[in-house]
C-alpha atoms as a PDB file:
ATOM      1  CA  MET A   1     -13.321-143.791 117.172  1.00  0.00           C
ATOM      2  CA  LYS A   2     -12.067-147.355 117.174  1.00  0.00           C
ATOM      3  CA  SER A   3     -15.594-148.513 117.993  1.00  0.00           C
ATOM      4  CA  LEU A   4     -17.005-147.212 114.681  1.00  0.00           C
ATOM      5  CA  PRO A   5     -17.947-149.912 112.121  1.00  0.00           C
ATOM      6  CA  TRP A   6     -14.892-149.345 109.889  1.00  0.00           C
ATOM      7  CA  LYS A   7     -15.184-152.784 108.249  1.00  0.00           C
ATOM      8  CA  ASP A   8     -18.643-151.827 106.920  1.00  0.00           C
ATOM      9  CA  ILE A   9     -17.536-148.433 105.545  1.00  0.00           C
ATOM     10  CA  PRO A  10     -16.320-148.513 101.906  1.00  0.00           C
ATOM     11  CA  SER A  11     -12.933-147.058 100.994  1.00  0.00           C
ATOM     12  CA  LEU A  12     -13.004-143.694  99.237  1.00  0.00           C
ATOM     13  CA  SER A  13      -9.484-144.060  97.918  1.00  0.00           C
ATOM     14  CA  VAL A  14      -6.768-146.724  97.873  1.00  0.00           C
ATOM     15  CA  THR A  15      -3.323-145.710  96.629  1.00  0.00           C
ATOM     16  CA  ARG A  16      -0.427-148.118  96.116  1.00  0.00           C
ATOM     17  CA  GLU A  17       3.112-147.059  95.277  1.00  0.00           C
ATOM     18  CA  ARG A  18       6.357-148.965  94.874  1.00  0.00           C
ATOM     19  CA  GLY A  19       9.839-147.580  94.969  1.00  0.00           C
ATOM     20  CA  HIS A  20      13.190-147.716  96.754  1.00  0.00           C
ATOM     21  CA  GLY A  21      12.640-151.306  97.869  1.00  0.00           C
ATOM     22  CA  ARG A  22       9.297-150.787  99.585  1.00  0.00           C
ATOM     23  CA  GLN A  23       5.566-150.755  98.905  1.00  0.00           C
ATOM     24  CA  ASP A  24       3.303-148.075 100.388  1.00  0.00           C
ATOM     25  CA  THR A  25      -0.489-148.433 100.604  1.00  0.00           C
ATOM     26  CA  ARG A  26      -2.843-145.646 101.742  1.00  0.00           C
ATOM     27  CA  THR A  27      -6.558-146.206 102.360  1.00  0.00           C
ATOM     28  CA  LEU A  28      -9.017-143.390 103.106  1.00  0.00           C
ATOM     29  CA  LYS A  29     -12.445-143.955 104.652  1.00  0.00           C
ATOM     30  CA  ALA A  30     -15.013-141.356 105.784  1.00  0.00           C
ATOM     31  CA  THR A  31     -18.265-141.506 107.702  1.00  0.00           C
ATOM     32  CA  GLU A  32     -20.868-139.099 109.001  1.00  0.00           C
ATOM     33  CA  LEU A  33     -21.480-141.171 112.143  1.00  0.00           C
ATOM     34  CA  THR A  34     -20.672-138.599 114.798  1.00  0.00           C
ATOM     35  CA  THR A  35     -22.306-140.020 117.924  1.00  0.00           C
ATOM     36  CA  GLY A  36     -20.115-141.667 120.508  1.00  0.00           C
ATOM     37  CA  ILE A  37     -16.778-140.365 119.236  1.00  0.00           C
ATOM     38  CA  GLY A  38     -16.177-137.856 122.020  1.00  0.00           C
ATOM     39  CA  PHE A  39     -16.105-134.736 119.829  1.00  0.00           C
ATOM     40  CA  PRO A  40     -19.374-132.786 119.990  1.00  0.00           C
ATOM     41  CA  GLY A  41     -20.139-130.835 116.856  1.00  0.00           C
ATOM     42  CA  ALA A  42     -18.034-133.057 114.581  1.00  0.00           C
ATOM     43  CA  ALA A  43     -19.584-133.463 111.107  1.00  0.00           C
ATOM     44  CA  GLN A  44     -17.385-136.273 109.730  1.00  0.00           C
ATOM     45  CA  VAL A  45     -14.746-138.740 110.818  1.00  0.00           C
ATOM     46  CA  LEU A  46     -11.926-139.744 108.441  1.00  0.00           C
ATOM     47  CA  ARG A  47      -9.671-142.752 108.785  1.00  0.00           C
ATOM     48  CA  LEU A  48      -6.379-142.847 106.916  1.00  0.00           C
ATOM     49  CA  THR A  49      -4.540-146.154 107.090  1.00  0.00           C
ATOM     50  CA  ARG A  50      -0.944-146.215 105.891  1.00  0.00           C
ATOM     51  CA  THR A  51       1.018-149.418 105.438  1.00  0.00           C
ATOM     52  CA  ARG A  52       4.659-149.586 104.387  1.00  0.00           C
ATOM     53  CA  THR A  53       6.215-152.941 103.557  1.00  0.00           C
ATOM     54  CA  ASP A  54       9.986-153.103 103.270  1.00  0.00           C
ATOM     55  CA  ARG A  55      11.613-155.939 101.349  1.00  0.00           C
ATOM     56  CA  LYS A  56      13.701-156.883 104.387  1.00  0.00           C
ATOM     57  CA  THR A  57      11.461-155.924 107.334  1.00  0.00           C
ATOM     58  CA  PRO A  58       7.662-155.505 107.217  1.00  0.00           C
ATOM     59  CA  LEU A  59       6.670-152.270 108.984  1.00  0.00           C
ATOM     60  CA  ARG A  60       3.071-151.333 109.781  1.00  0.00           C
ATOM     61  CA  PRO A  61       2.573-147.809 111.161  1.00  0.00           C
ATOM     62  CA  PRO A  62      -0.468-147.063 113.330  1.00  0.00           C
ATOM     63  CA  ARG A  63      -3.739-145.738 111.905  1.00  0.00           C
ATOM     64  CA  SER A  64      -4.434-142.027 111.696  1.00  0.00           C
ATOM     65  CA  PHE A  65      -7.779-140.431 112.521  1.00  0.00           C
ATOM     66  CA  ARG A  66      -8.778-136.912 111.413  1.00  0.00           C
ATOM     67  CA  MET A  67     -11.838-134.740 111.863  1.00  0.00           C
END
């Protein structure tokens, strides 16, 4: 799934929230490219990227993939 052209796929939703000394950003992308992902019969691939930035320490959690 990492080999999919995620940079060329537009974001469906970008949400930004601030509170308790941190900023959270969530980005959702979806594609119907199902070849080469290793899951036969899949109709879509979703990519949810979550980033949390703390005022003291920047934290960047890994990306999440869903089908």
